[in-house]
N, C-alpha and C. Protein backbone atom coordinates (compact mmCIF):
# COMPACT_ATOMS: atom_id res chain seq x y z
N MET A 1 14.81 -17.10 2.49
CA MET A 1 13.46 -16.81 3.72
C MET A 1 14.35 -16.85 4.84
N LYS A 2 15.61 -17.47 5.30
CA LYS A 2 15.99 -17.27 6.67
C LYS A 2 16.96 -16.07 6.62
N LYS A 3 17.89 -16.27 5.53
CA LYS A 3 18.44 -14.67 5.51
C LYS A 3 17.86 -13.54 5.84
N HIS A 4 16.39 -13.73 5.03
CA HIS A 4 15.59 -12.39 4.58
C HIS A 4 15.31 -11.88 6.44
N LEU A 5 15.04 -13.25 7.03
CA LEU A 5 13.86 -12.98 8.50
C LEU A 5 15.03 -12.56 9.11
N ARG A 6 16.50 -13.09 9.39
CA ARG A 6 17.74 -12.75 9.90
C ARG A 6 17.87 -11.23 9.74
N PHE A 7 17.87 -10.77 8.74
CA PHE A 7 17.79 -9.21 8.59
C PHE A 7 16.71 -8.28 9.27
N LEU A 8 15.84 -8.61 9.00
CA LEU A 8 14.73 -8.17 10.36
C LEU A 8 14.91 -8.08 11.90
N LEU A 9 14.94 -8.94 11.99
CA LEU A 9 15.59 -9.32 13.37
C LEU A 9 16.54 -8.82 13.93
N ILE A 10 17.88 -8.88 13.17
CA ILE A 10 18.84 -7.71 13.52
C ILE A 10 18.61 -6.06 13.58
N PHE A 11 17.90 -6.19 12.49
CA PHE A 11 17.02 -4.37 12.60
C PHE A 11 16.44 -4.44 13.50
N CYS A 12 15.53 -5.17 14.33
CA CYS A 12 14.72 -5.01 15.16
C CYS A 12 15.01 -4.66 16.41
N LEU A 13 16.42 -5.75 16.79
CA LEU A 13 17.32 -5.35 17.74
C LEU A 13 18.04 -3.94 17.82
N LEU A 14 18.84 -3.53 16.86
CA LEU A 14 19.45 -2.27 16.58
C LEU A 14 18.69 -0.94 16.81
N PHE A 15 17.49 -1.36 17.01
CA PHE A 15 16.69 -0.33 16.79
C PHE A 15 15.18 -0.46 17.81
N GLY A 16 15.76 -1.36 18.96
CA GLY A 16 15.06 -1.45 20.13
C GLY A 16 13.18 -2.16 19.75
N MET A 17 12.97 -2.69 18.57
CA MET A 17 11.58 -2.81 18.19
C MET A 17 11.22 -4.27 18.91
N SER A 18 12.06 -5.23 19.64
CA SER A 18 11.39 -6.46 20.08
C SER A 18 10.93 -5.83 21.13
N GLY A 19 11.80 -5.12 22.11
CA GLY A 19 11.41 -4.62 23.24
C GLY A 19 10.29 -3.57 23.92
N MET A 20 9.96 -2.93 22.71
CA MET A 20 8.77 -1.93 22.58
C MET A 20 7.27 -2.72 23.13
N LYS A 21 6.47 -1.69 23.82
CA LYS A 21 5.24 -2.27 24.04
C LYS A 21 4.20 -2.34 22.48
N ALA A 22 3.42 -2.76 22.64
CA ALA A 22 2.61 -2.90 21.25
C ALA A 22 1.52 -2.33 21.15
N GLN A 23 1.60 -1.08 20.09
CA GLN A 23 0.94 -0.02 19.68
C GLN A 23 0.06 -0.61 18.79
N THR A 24 -1.46 0.81 18.68
CA THR A 24 -2.34 0.81 17.63
C THR A 24 -1.15 1.69 16.94
N ILE A 25 -2.20 1.42 15.46
CA ILE A 25 -1.78 1.98 14.64
C ILE A 25 -1.86 3.59 14.72
N SER A 26 -2.81 4.22 15.78
CA SER A 26 -2.90 5.52 15.42
C SER A 26 -1.73 6.10 16.34
N TYR A 27 -0.75 5.36 17.41
CA TYR A 27 -0.06 5.91 17.77
C TYR A 27 1.10 5.96 16.87
N TYR A 28 1.65 5.21 16.07
CA TYR A 28 2.73 5.57 14.62
C TYR A 28 2.31 6.64 13.86
N PHE A 29 0.63 6.62 13.81
CA PHE A 29 0.40 7.72 12.85
C PHE A 29 0.52 9.46 13.86
N ILE A 30 0.71 9.14 14.67
CA ILE A 30 0.87 10.60 15.63
C ILE A 30 2.29 10.90 16.06
N LYS A 31 3.33 9.56 15.63
CA LYS A 31 4.65 9.78 16.06
C LYS A 31 5.34 9.73 14.36
N MET A 32 4.54 10.01 13.44
CA MET A 32 5.00 9.67 11.89
C MET A 32 5.70 11.01 12.05
N PRO A 33 7.18 10.92 11.56
CA PRO A 33 8.24 12.28 10.97
C PRO A 33 7.35 13.20 10.18
N VAL A 34 7.63 14.43 10.38
CA VAL A 34 7.00 15.50 9.79
C VAL A 34 7.33 15.05 8.37
N ASN A 35 8.49 15.11 7.50
CA ASN A 35 9.01 15.22 6.14
C ASN A 35 8.08 14.00 5.78
N LEU A 36 7.52 13.13 5.84
CA LEU A 36 6.90 11.68 5.75
C LEU A 36 5.17 12.30 5.13
N ILE A 37 4.92 13.08 6.17
CA ILE A 37 3.31 13.88 6.03
C ILE A 37 3.43 15.43 6.40
N PRO A 38 4.60 16.22 5.56
CA PRO A 38 4.34 17.42 6.33
C PRO A 38 2.86 18.44 6.03
N THR A 39 2.43 17.84 5.36
CA THR A 39 0.73 18.62 5.53
C THR A 39 0.03 18.89 6.57
N VAL A 40 0.42 17.82 7.60
CA VAL A 40 -0.81 17.25 8.49
C VAL A 40 0.18 17.33 9.98
N SER A 41 -0.28 18.40 10.59
CA SER A 41 0.74 18.65 12.09
C SER A 41 0.46 17.44 12.85
N VAL A 42 1.01 17.48 13.87
CA VAL A 42 1.11 16.45 15.06
C VAL A 42 0.06 16.54 15.61
N ASP A 43 -0.23 18.22 15.81
CA ASP A 43 -1.62 18.04 16.48
C ASP A 43 -3.12 17.88 15.90
N THR A 44 -3.02 18.10 14.36
CA THR A 44 -4.01 17.67 13.75
C THR A 44 -4.34 16.51 13.45
N ARG A 45 -3.04 15.36 13.37
CA ARG A 45 -3.31 14.35 13.68
C ARG A 45 -3.76 13.96 15.00
N ARG A 46 -3.53 14.23 16.07
CA ARG A 46 -4.03 13.87 17.33
C ARG A 46 -5.80 14.10 17.29
N ASP A 47 -6.05 15.24 16.74
CA ASP A 47 -7.62 15.39 16.61
C ASP A 47 -8.14 14.80 15.69
N LEU A 48 -7.46 14.36 14.70
CA LEU A 48 -8.26 13.23 14.09
C LEU A 48 -8.56 12.15 14.16
N VAL A 49 -7.61 11.44 15.03
CA VAL A 49 -7.72 10.32 15.98
C VAL A 49 -8.80 10.50 16.98
N ASP A 50 -8.72 11.60 17.95
CA ASP A 50 -9.50 11.25 18.78
C ASP A 50 -10.75 11.66 18.31
N PHE A 51 -11.53 12.43 17.24
CA PHE A 51 -12.71 12.69 16.26
C PHE A 51 -13.07 11.17 15.82
N TYR A 52 -12.34 10.63 15.37
CA TYR A 52 -12.65 9.12 14.65
C TYR A 52 -12.85 8.28 15.94
N ASP A 53 -11.99 8.13 17.16
CA ASP A 53 -12.33 7.05 18.46
C ASP A 53 -13.79 7.46 18.96
N ASN A 54 -14.04 8.94 18.93
CA ASN A 54 -15.67 9.72 19.40
C ASN A 54 -16.45 9.29 18.75
N GLY A 55 -16.33 8.87 17.56
CA GLY A 55 -17.17 8.83 16.65
C GLY A 55 -17.71 9.99 15.74
N LYS A 56 -16.85 10.96 15.75
CA LYS A 56 -17.41 12.21 14.99
C LYS A 56 -16.59 12.06 13.67
N SER A 57 -17.03 13.55 12.85
CA SER A 57 -16.46 13.19 11.58
C SER A 57 -15.00 14.08 11.59
N ALA A 58 -14.05 13.25 11.63
CA ALA A 58 -12.62 13.39 11.44
C ALA A 58 -11.73 14.25 10.26
N VAL A 59 -12.46 15.28 10.28
CA VAL A 59 -11.83 16.36 9.01
C VAL A 59 -11.25 17.49 9.80
N MET A 60 -10.30 17.96 8.94
CA MET A 60 -9.45 19.16 9.58
C MET A 60 -8.44 19.48 8.26
N PRO A 61 -8.61 20.80 8.44
CA PRO A 61 -7.46 21.48 7.28
C PRO A 61 -6.42 20.82 7.72
N SER A 62 -5.73 21.08 6.04
CA SER A 62 -4.23 21.10 6.16
C SER A 62 -3.18 22.33 6.20
N ALA A 63 -1.74 22.04 6.40
CA ALA A 63 -1.03 23.02 5.82
C ALA A 63 -1.43 23.96 4.59
N PHE A 64 -1.99 23.53 3.89
CA PHE A 64 -1.86 23.87 2.41
C PHE A 64 -3.32 24.59 2.36
N GLY A 65 -4.04 24.31 3.36
CA GLY A 65 -5.70 24.68 3.39
C GLY A 65 -6.80 24.06 2.60
N SER A 66 -6.40 22.90 2.30
CA SER A 66 -7.52 21.84 1.93
C SER A 66 -7.97 20.79 2.87
N GLU A 67 -8.62 19.85 3.16
CA GLU A 67 -9.03 19.04 3.93
C GLU A 67 -8.03 17.86 3.81
N VAL A 68 -8.10 17.71 5.14
CA VAL A 68 -7.69 15.84 5.50
C VAL A 68 -8.86 15.46 6.07
N VAL A 69 -8.87 13.82 5.80
CA VAL A 69 -10.12 13.07 6.29
C VAL A 69 -9.54 11.61 6.80
N LEU A 70 -9.60 11.35 8.64
CA LEU A 70 -9.38 10.20 8.12
C LEU A 70 -10.50 9.02 8.09
N LYS A 71 -10.24 8.92 7.26
CA LYS A 71 -11.52 7.59 6.55
C LYS A 71 -11.68 6.22 6.87
N GLU A 72 -10.97 5.75 7.55
CA GLU A 72 -10.64 4.60 8.02
C GLU A 72 -9.36 4.04 8.99
N MET A 73 -10.01 3.50 10.42
CA MET A 73 -8.65 3.55 11.07
C MET A 73 -9.01 2.36 12.09
N SER A 74 -7.92 0.94 12.05
CA SER A 74 -8.36 -0.32 13.22
C SER A 74 -7.21 0.30 13.91
N GLU A 75 -7.07 -1.13 14.53
CA GLU A 75 -6.00 -1.44 15.43
C GLU A 75 -4.64 -1.18 14.59
N ASP A 76 -4.58 -2.10 13.37
CA ASP A 76 -3.39 -1.82 12.16
C ASP A 76 -3.45 -1.48 11.25
N TYR A 77 -4.55 -0.73 10.42
CA TYR A 77 -4.46 -0.07 9.58
C TYR A 77 -5.21 1.41 9.43
N LEU A 78 -4.71 2.57 9.05
CA LEU A 78 -5.16 3.50 8.89
C LEU A 78 -5.57 4.00 7.22
N LEU A 79 -6.37 5.14 6.89
CA LEU A 79 -6.89 5.65 5.87
C LEU A 79 -6.75 6.64 5.62
N LEU A 80 -5.66 7.68 5.39
CA LEU A 80 -6.28 9.33 5.64
C LEU A 80 -5.98 9.94 4.27
N GLN A 81 -7.66 10.31 3.76
CA GLN A 81 -7.70 11.13 2.33
C GLN A 81 -6.82 12.74 2.73
N THR A 82 -5.63 13.04 2.29
CA THR A 82 -4.79 14.07 2.37
C THR A 82 -4.86 15.31 1.49
N SER A 83 -5.84 15.35 0.18
CA SER A 83 -6.07 16.10 -0.68
C SER A 83 -7.25 15.51 -1.50
N ALA A 84 -7.62 16.19 -2.41
CA ALA A 84 -8.81 15.87 -3.56
C ALA A 84 -8.26 14.56 -4.39
N ASN A 85 -7.15 14.66 -4.21
CA ASN A 85 -6.19 13.53 -5.15
C ASN A 85 -5.55 12.98 -5.09
N ALA A 86 -5.23 12.86 -3.59
CA ALA A 86 -4.25 11.75 -2.89
C ALA A 86 -4.40 11.47 -1.38
N GLU A 87 -3.86 9.79 -1.39
CA GLU A 87 -4.11 9.49 0.00
C GLU A 87 -3.17 8.98 0.36
N MET A 88 -3.16 8.36 1.73
CA MET A 88 -1.67 7.45 2.32
C MET A 88 -2.89 6.38 3.63
N GLN A 89 -2.24 5.51 3.03
CA GLN A 89 -2.51 4.23 4.22
C GLN A 89 -1.20 3.53 4.90
N LEU A 90 -1.39 3.56 6.12
CA LEU A 90 -0.60 2.86 7.11
C LEU A 90 -1.34 1.74 7.36
N LYS A 91 -0.38 0.77 7.43
CA LYS A 91 -0.32 -0.83 8.14
C LYS A 91 0.56 -1.23 8.90
N LEU A 92 0.01 -2.02 10.07
CA LEU A 92 1.14 -2.57 10.63
C LEU A 92 1.27 -4.13 10.28
N LEU A 93 2.43 -4.68 10.08
CA LEU A 93 2.57 -5.93 9.53
C LEU A 93 3.41 -6.68 10.67
N GLN A 94 2.93 -8.09 11.35
CA GLN A 94 3.45 -8.94 11.70
C GLN A 94 4.49 -9.94 11.15
N VAL A 95 5.65 -9.76 11.62
CA VAL A 95 6.77 -10.53 11.08
C VAL A 95 6.95 -11.79 12.03
N ASN A 96 7.11 -11.43 13.37
CA ASN A 96 7.10 -12.60 14.09
C ASN A 96 6.47 -12.29 15.38
N ASP A 97 6.27 -13.34 16.62
CA ASP A 97 6.01 -12.71 17.57
C ASP A 97 6.33 -11.20 18.44
N SER A 98 7.55 -11.10 18.17
CA SER A 98 8.41 -9.59 18.67
C SER A 98 8.48 -8.32 17.64
N LEU A 99 7.87 -8.52 16.02
CA LEU A 99 8.66 -8.22 15.50
C LEU A 99 7.55 -7.44 14.82
N ARG A 100 7.45 -6.04 14.41
CA ARG A 100 6.68 -5.38 13.60
C ARG A 100 6.95 -4.74 12.67
N VAL A 101 6.53 -4.39 11.38
CA VAL A 101 7.21 -3.11 10.58
C VAL A 101 6.17 -2.23 10.45
N ILE A 102 6.16 -1.34 9.69
CA ILE A 102 5.20 -0.44 8.99
C ILE A 102 5.01 -0.15 7.76
N ALA A 103 4.08 -0.49 7.18
CA ALA A 103 4.21 0.04 5.63
C ALA A 103 3.40 1.21 5.20
N LEU A 104 4.13 1.87 4.39
CA LEU A 104 3.31 3.36 4.17
C LEU A 104 2.96 3.50 2.58
N VAL A 105 1.49 3.39 2.35
CA VAL A 105 1.20 3.45 0.99
C VAL A 105 1.17 5.08 0.62
N GLN A 106 1.48 5.74 -0.34
CA GLN A 106 1.09 6.94 -0.87
C GLN A 106 0.87 6.90 -2.04
N THR A 107 -0.47 7.21 -2.40
CA THR A 107 -1.39 7.40 -3.86
C THR A 107 -1.84 8.38 -4.43
N VAL A 108 -1.68 8.43 -5.50
CA VAL A 108 -1.89 10.00 -5.80
C VAL A 108 -2.83 9.76 -7.51
N VAL A 109 -3.66 10.52 -7.54
CA VAL A 109 -4.48 10.16 -9.03
C VAL A 109 -4.35 11.20 -9.92
N ALA A 110 -3.82 11.40 -11.25
CA ALA A 110 -3.24 12.42 -11.96
C ALA A 110 -2.85 11.82 -13.29
N PRO A 111 -4.06 11.51 -14.35
CA PRO A 111 -5.43 10.95 -13.43
C PRO A 111 -5.64 9.47 -13.52
N LEU A 112 -4.60 8.84 -13.50
CA LEU A 112 -4.22 7.60 -13.23
C LEU A 112 -4.21 7.57 -12.11
N LYS A 113 -4.36 6.28 -11.56
CA LYS A 113 -4.24 6.03 -9.69
C LYS A 113 -3.02 5.75 -9.83
N ASP A 114 -1.97 5.80 -8.87
CA ASP A 114 -0.62 5.04 -9.08
C ASP A 114 0.02 5.31 -7.09
N SER A 115 0.31 4.16 -7.03
CA SER A 115 1.01 4.15 -5.66
C SER A 115 2.19 3.92 -5.64
N ARG A 116 3.32 4.44 -4.12
CA ARG A 116 4.31 4.19 -3.81
C ARG A 116 4.23 3.29 -2.67
N ILE A 117 5.02 2.38 -2.29
CA ILE A 117 5.05 2.16 -0.90
C ILE A 117 6.72 1.89 -0.31
N SER A 118 6.56 2.12 0.82
CA SER A 118 7.75 2.01 1.50
C SER A 118 7.47 1.60 2.80
N PHE A 119 8.61 1.19 3.65
CA PHE A 119 8.55 0.23 4.76
C PHE A 119 9.12 0.97 6.21
N TYR A 120 8.64 0.72 7.22
CA TYR A 120 9.83 1.24 8.18
C TYR A 120 9.50 0.27 9.50
N SER A 121 10.63 1.01 10.60
CA SER A 121 10.50 0.35 11.58
C SER A 121 9.51 0.90 12.61
N THR A 122 9.14 0.41 13.70
CA THR A 122 8.11 1.10 14.23
C THR A 122 8.67 2.09 15.35
N THR A 123 9.75 2.39 15.04
CA THR A 123 10.84 3.95 15.23
C THR A 123 10.93 5.14 14.20
N TRP A 124 10.35 4.07 13.14
CA TRP A 124 10.47 4.95 11.46
C TRP A 124 11.62 5.29 10.79
N GLN A 125 12.46 3.99 11.29
CA GLN A 125 13.79 4.18 10.39
C GLN A 125 12.96 3.01 9.60
N PRO A 126 13.57 3.43 8.11
CA PRO A 126 13.33 3.07 6.62
C PRO A 126 13.76 1.55 6.47
N ILE A 127 13.39 0.93 6.53
CA ILE A 127 13.89 -0.51 5.60
C ILE A 127 13.78 -0.98 4.33
N SER A 128 15.12 -1.31 4.00
CA SER A 128 15.16 -1.29 2.68
C SER A 128 15.19 -2.64 1.96
N LYS A 129 15.23 -3.33 2.91
CA LYS A 129 15.47 -4.78 2.53
C LYS A 129 13.79 -5.43 2.20
N LEU A 130 13.00 -4.82 2.50
CA LEU A 130 11.39 -5.13 2.51
C LEU A 130 10.54 -4.40 1.69
N GLU A 131 10.12 -5.55 0.63
CA GLU A 131 9.64 -5.01 -0.65
C GLU A 131 8.67 -5.76 -1.00
N LEU A 132 7.44 -4.91 -2.05
CA LEU A 132 6.51 -6.20 -2.79
C LEU A 132 7.43 -6.72 -3.99
N PRO A 133 6.87 -7.44 -4.34
CA PRO A 133 7.56 -8.32 -5.70
C PRO A 133 7.20 -7.25 -7.01
N GLN A 134 8.22 -6.84 -7.76
CA GLN A 134 7.85 -5.56 -8.46
C GLN A 134 6.73 -6.37 -9.79
N LEU A 135 5.99 -5.13 -10.10
CA LEU A 135 4.95 -6.04 -11.05
C LEU A 135 5.08 -5.34 -12.72
N SER A 136 4.81 -5.50 -13.67
CA SER A 136 4.72 -5.10 -14.67
C SER A 136 3.30 -5.26 -14.94
N PHE A 137 3.21 -4.70 -16.60
CA PHE A 137 1.52 -4.65 -16.99
C PHE A 137 1.56 -6.15 -17.90
N LEU A 138 2.27 -7.11 -17.56
CA LEU A 138 2.15 -8.44 -17.84
C LEU A 138 1.10 -9.27 -16.90
N ASP A 139 2.06 -8.80 -15.63
CA ASP A 139 1.18 -9.70 -14.45
C ASP A 139 0.14 -9.12 -14.81
N PHE A 140 -0.50 -8.50 -15.21
CA PHE A 140 -1.91 -8.28 -15.09
C PHE A 140 -2.82 -8.32 -16.25
N LEU A 141 -1.84 -9.62 -16.94
CA LEU A 141 -2.50 -10.21 -18.41
C LEU A 141 -2.57 -11.72 -17.97
N ASP A 142 -3.77 -12.12 -18.27
CA ASP A 142 -3.41 -13.77 -18.31
C ASP A 142 -3.11 -14.26 -19.83
N VAL A 143 -1.53 -14.09 -19.55
CA VAL A 143 -0.66 -14.23 -20.81
C VAL A 143 -1.17 -15.71 -21.68
N GLU A 144 -1.58 -16.63 -21.02
CA GLU A 144 -1.63 -18.13 -21.84
C GLU A 144 -3.09 -17.76 -22.37
N LYS A 145 -3.76 -17.07 -22.07
CA LYS A 145 -5.32 -17.06 -22.66
C LYS A 145 -4.85 -16.38 -23.80
N GLY A 146 -3.70 -14.94 -23.68
CA GLY A 146 -3.52 -13.82 -24.64
C GLY A 146 -2.98 -14.59 -25.96
N LYS A 147 -2.02 -15.52 -25.35
CA LYS A 147 -1.41 -16.43 -26.65
C LYS A 147 -2.58 -17.05 -27.52
N ALA A 148 -3.21 -18.10 -26.92
CA ALA A 148 -4.57 -18.44 -27.34
C ALA A 148 -5.40 -17.74 -28.47
N LEU A 149 -5.65 -16.53 -27.97
CA LEU A 149 -6.56 -15.71 -28.56
C LEU A 149 -5.63 -14.71 -29.71
N GLY A 150 -4.08 -15.21 -29.90
CA GLY A 150 -3.61 -14.45 -30.65
C GLY A 150 -3.10 -12.91 -30.64
N LEU A 151 -2.94 -12.74 -29.39
CA LEU A 151 -2.36 -11.32 -28.90
C LEU A 151 -1.15 -11.21 -28.65
N GLU A 152 -0.32 -12.22 -28.25
CA GLU A 152 0.74 -12.19 -27.64
C GLU A 152 1.79 -11.16 -28.48
N ASN A 153 1.80 -11.49 -29.65
CA ASN A 153 2.46 -10.35 -30.18
C ASN A 153 2.18 -8.70 -30.37
N ARG A 154 1.14 -8.43 -29.67
CA ARG A 154 0.94 -7.18 -29.40
C ARG A 154 0.91 -6.66 -28.30
N PHE A 155 1.30 -7.45 -27.23
CA PHE A 155 1.35 -6.90 -25.68
C PHE A 155 1.98 -5.47 -25.76
N ASN A 156 3.42 -5.43 -26.53
CA ASN A 156 4.19 -4.16 -26.27
C ASN A 156 3.61 -3.26 -27.13
N GLU A 157 2.83 -4.36 -28.51
CA GLU A 157 2.57 -3.09 -29.36
C GLU A 157 1.86 -2.10 -29.31
N VAL A 158 0.77 -2.53 -28.40
CA VAL A 158 -0.50 -1.21 -28.16
C VAL A 158 0.25 -0.15 -26.97
N GLY A 159 1.18 -0.61 -26.76
CA GLY A 159 2.06 0.66 -25.52
C GLY A 159 1.17 0.38 -24.19
N LEU A 160 0.71 -0.93 -23.83
CA LEU A 160 -0.13 -0.75 -22.30
C LEU A 160 1.04 0.12 -20.89
N ARG A 161 0.64 0.66 -20.47
CA ARG A 161 1.54 1.48 -19.39
C ARG A 161 1.19 0.95 -17.88
N ASN A 162 2.23 0.55 -16.91
CA ASN A 162 2.03 0.30 -16.02
C ASN A 162 1.30 0.91 -14.84
N PHE A 163 0.51 1.63 -14.39
CA PHE A 163 0.13 2.63 -13.21
C PHE A 163 -0.87 1.27 -12.17
N VAL A 164 0.27 1.29 -10.93
CA VAL A 164 -0.59 0.44 -10.15
C VAL A 164 -0.71 1.33 -8.73
N SER A 165 -2.40 0.63 -8.19
CA SER A 165 -2.52 1.09 -7.15
C SER A 165 -2.27 0.20 -6.07
N TYR A 166 -2.10 0.37 -4.77
CA TYR A 166 -2.40 -0.41 -3.64
C TYR A 166 -3.27 -0.47 -2.40
N GLN A 167 -3.81 -1.41 -2.02
CA GLN A 167 -5.25 -1.00 -0.88
C GLN A 167 -4.75 -2.34 0.11
N PHE A 168 -4.41 -1.91 1.13
CA PHE A 168 -4.08 -2.94 2.03
C PHE A 168 -5.63 -3.08 2.69
N SER A 169 -5.84 -4.37 3.74
CA SER A 169 -6.97 -5.06 4.17
C SER A 169 -7.08 -4.34 5.40
N LYS A 170 -8.10 -3.91 6.11
CA LYS A 170 -8.02 -4.08 7.39
C LYS A 170 -7.87 -5.45 8.51
N ASN A 171 -7.19 -5.41 9.32
CA ASN A 171 -6.82 -6.48 10.38
C ASN A 171 -6.63 -8.06 9.56
N LYS A 172 -6.35 -7.65 8.24
CA LYS A 172 -5.53 -8.85 7.67
C LYS A 172 -4.33 -8.06 7.02
N PRO A 173 -3.29 -9.58 6.93
CA PRO A 173 -2.00 -9.10 6.53
C PRO A 173 -2.43 -9.02 4.71
N VAL A 174 -3.19 -8.23 4.37
CA VAL A 174 -3.61 -8.72 3.03
C VAL A 174 -3.58 -7.39 2.05
N ILE A 175 -2.31 -7.19 1.04
CA ILE A 175 -2.45 -6.16 -0.02
C ILE A 175 -3.18 -6.66 -1.20
N VAL A 176 -3.78 -5.67 -2.01
CA VAL A 176 -4.39 -5.49 -3.13
C VAL A 176 -3.68 -4.84 -4.14
N ALA A 177 -3.13 -5.47 -5.38
CA ALA A 177 -2.70 -4.46 -6.53
C ALA A 177 -3.63 -4.14 -7.33
N HIS A 178 -4.07 -2.90 -7.73
CA HIS A 178 -5.34 -2.52 -8.98
C HIS A 178 -3.93 -2.30 -10.08
N SER A 179 -4.78 -2.66 -10.87
CA SER A 179 -4.15 -2.16 -12.57
C SER A 179 -5.20 -0.84 -13.06
N SER A 180 -4.30 0.00 -13.63
CA SER A 180 -5.09 0.99 -14.40
C SER A 180 -5.75 0.31 -16.14
N ILE A 181 -5.14 -0.59 -16.54
CA ILE A 181 -4.70 -0.90 -17.77
C ILE A 181 -6.27 -0.61 -18.47
N LYS A 182 -7.34 -0.87 -18.15
CA LYS A 182 -9.03 -0.43 -18.39
C LYS A 182 -9.03 0.79 -18.71
N GLU A 183 -8.22 1.71 -17.63
CA GLU A 183 -8.56 3.38 -18.10
C GLU A 183 -7.31 3.64 -18.82
N ASP A 184 -6.78 2.95 -18.85
CA ASP A 184 -5.59 3.76 -19.44
C ASP A 184 -5.68 3.71 -21.47
N ILE A 185 -6.19 2.48 -21.88
CA ILE A 185 -6.17 2.36 -23.17
C ILE A 185 -7.40 2.79 -24.15
N ARG A 186 -7.37 2.65 -25.11
CA ARG A 186 -8.15 3.71 -25.97
C ARG A 186 -9.39 2.35 -26.51
N PRO A 187 -10.71 2.75 -26.20
CA PRO A 187 -11.81 1.79 -25.80
C PRO A 187 -11.55 0.38 -27.15
N GLU A 188 -11.34 1.23 -28.41
CA GLU A 188 -11.22 -0.04 -28.94
C GLU A 188 -10.29 -1.52 -28.75
N ILE A 189 -9.05 -0.68 -28.25
CA ILE A 189 -8.06 -1.95 -28.01
C ILE A 189 -8.50 -2.38 -26.77
N LEU A 190 -9.27 -1.98 -26.04
CA LEU A 190 -9.74 -2.83 -24.79
C LEU A 190 -10.55 -3.56 -24.83
N LYS A 191 -11.47 -3.21 -25.89
CA LYS A 191 -12.26 -4.28 -26.35
C LYS A 191 -12.06 -5.62 -26.64
N GLU A 192 -10.72 -5.41 -27.52
CA GLU A 192 -9.57 -6.77 -27.58
C GLU A 192 -9.20 -7.02 -26.59
N PHE A 193 -8.50 -6.29 -25.67
CA PHE A 193 -7.86 -7.48 -24.78
C PHE A 193 -8.50 -7.03 -23.61
N GLU A 194 -9.90 -6.87 -23.20
CA GLU A 194 -10.57 -7.24 -21.82
C GLU A 194 -10.84 -8.35 -21.29
N PRO A 195 -10.63 -9.47 -22.28
CA PRO A 195 -11.08 -10.88 -21.80
C PRO A 195 -9.61 -11.06 -20.70
N ILE A 196 -8.72 -10.87 -21.32
CA ILE A 196 -7.60 -11.30 -20.36
C ILE A 196 -6.94 -10.33 -19.57
N ILE A 197 -7.77 -9.23 -19.03
CA ILE A 197 -7.24 -8.56 -18.05
C ILE A 197 -7.46 -8.66 -17.00
N LYS A 198 -6.50 -8.80 -15.82
CA LYS A 198 -6.89 -8.76 -14.48
C LYS A 198 -6.54 -7.65 -13.76
N ASP A 199 -8.05 -7.40 -13.49
CA ASP A 199 -8.53 -5.90 -12.36
C ASP A 199 -7.21 -6.18 -11.22
N SER A 200 -6.72 -7.21 -10.63
CA SER A 200 -6.00 -7.41 -9.51
C SER A 200 -4.93 -8.10 -9.12
N ILE A 201 -4.39 -8.13 -8.34
CA ILE A 201 -3.55 -9.44 -7.64
C ILE A 201 -3.44 -9.18 -6.22
N THR A 202 -3.67 -10.42 -5.53
CA THR A 202 -3.58 -9.73 -4.21
C THR A 202 -2.04 -10.76 -3.41
N PHE A 203 -1.90 -10.17 -2.39
CA PHE A 203 -0.28 -10.88 -1.81
C PHE A 203 -0.85 -10.78 -0.57
N VAL A 204 -0.18 -11.89 0.18
CA VAL A 204 -0.62 -12.00 1.97
C VAL A 204 0.84 -11.61 2.56
N PHE A 205 0.71 -10.95 3.32
CA PHE A 205 2.57 -11.04 4.23
C PHE A 205 2.64 -12.23 5.03
N GLN A 206 3.34 -13.03 5.01
CA GLN A 206 3.64 -14.32 5.44
C GLN A 206 5.25 -14.11 5.60
N ASN A 207 5.39 -14.49 7.07
CA ASN A 207 7.16 -14.53 7.16
C ASN A 207 8.10 -13.70 6.67
N GLY A 208 7.32 -12.54 7.12
CA GLY A 208 8.67 -11.46 6.67
C GLY A 208 8.51 -11.09 5.41
N ARG A 209 7.89 -11.32 4.32
CA ARG A 209 7.56 -11.54 2.76
C ARG A 209 6.34 -11.57 2.48
N PHE A 210 6.12 -10.70 1.07
CA PHE A 210 4.85 -10.87 0.18
C PHE A 210 4.59 -12.17 -0.17
N ASN A 211 3.73 -12.76 -0.32
CA ASN A 211 3.34 -14.22 -1.24
C ASN A 211 2.42 -14.18 -1.69
N LEU A 212 2.42 -14.28 -3.18
CA LEU A 212 1.09 -14.34 -4.22
C LEU A 212 -0.07 -15.21 -3.53
N LEU A 213 -1.14 -14.49 -3.17
CA LEU A 213 -2.09 -15.26 -3.03
C LEU A 213 -2.89 -16.14 -4.23
N ASN A 214 -3.14 -17.69 -3.71
CA ASN A 214 -3.86 -18.45 -4.45
C ASN A 214 -2.93 -18.34 -5.91
N PRO A 215 -2.19 -18.23 -6.17
CA PRO A 215 -1.41 -18.10 -7.43
C PRO A 215 -1.82 -19.12 -8.44
N GLU A 216 -2.17 -20.09 -8.38
CA GLU A 216 -2.52 -21.00 -9.29
C GLU A 216 -4.01 -20.53 -10.30
N LYS A 217 -4.67 -19.51 -9.37
CA LYS A 217 -5.93 -19.38 -10.16
C LYS A 217 -5.52 -18.07 -11.22
């Protein structure tokens, strides 16, 4: 834990994060590097934020002719629909009193919903040592209950795949991982496995890392 926090603090000092004025998520959205959001220009981002702040419909054309929609925005969270089957989330996470990081979640539906998450400093420098716990399909099963039902030996046999989408909460350092298992397996198998499938797993960001929320439940 201390080593992890020390790394983030050093990163903060190297890139001037601790001395920067605290900004809301809209500031970092507008400052976001073009390579991370190539279909939405800086001017479009400014207009989306302005429309949203003024209670207007925050819809603008993207570079490829589709529409982008700013669906939610608070001081620390932003949800942008980037196309009919893709969305982007930005979340400010507080490591300590002087250090914040930005989480970027990119989600596509093709046809199952799947997310990729990455982390950056507030000057948009990548942070490779901050990550969510790696999840497998077994994390979304009540394994002990599965053993009691005699399903343990079938976990790998039925070919459960691991598509996971992530959803941050507004104004709380909480992220929920949602599994697509129920949408992915055949109905006859779902009927058998449904009693042991967990729809989601929740993590809270504390002291520079993601911790399982209420792991005993």
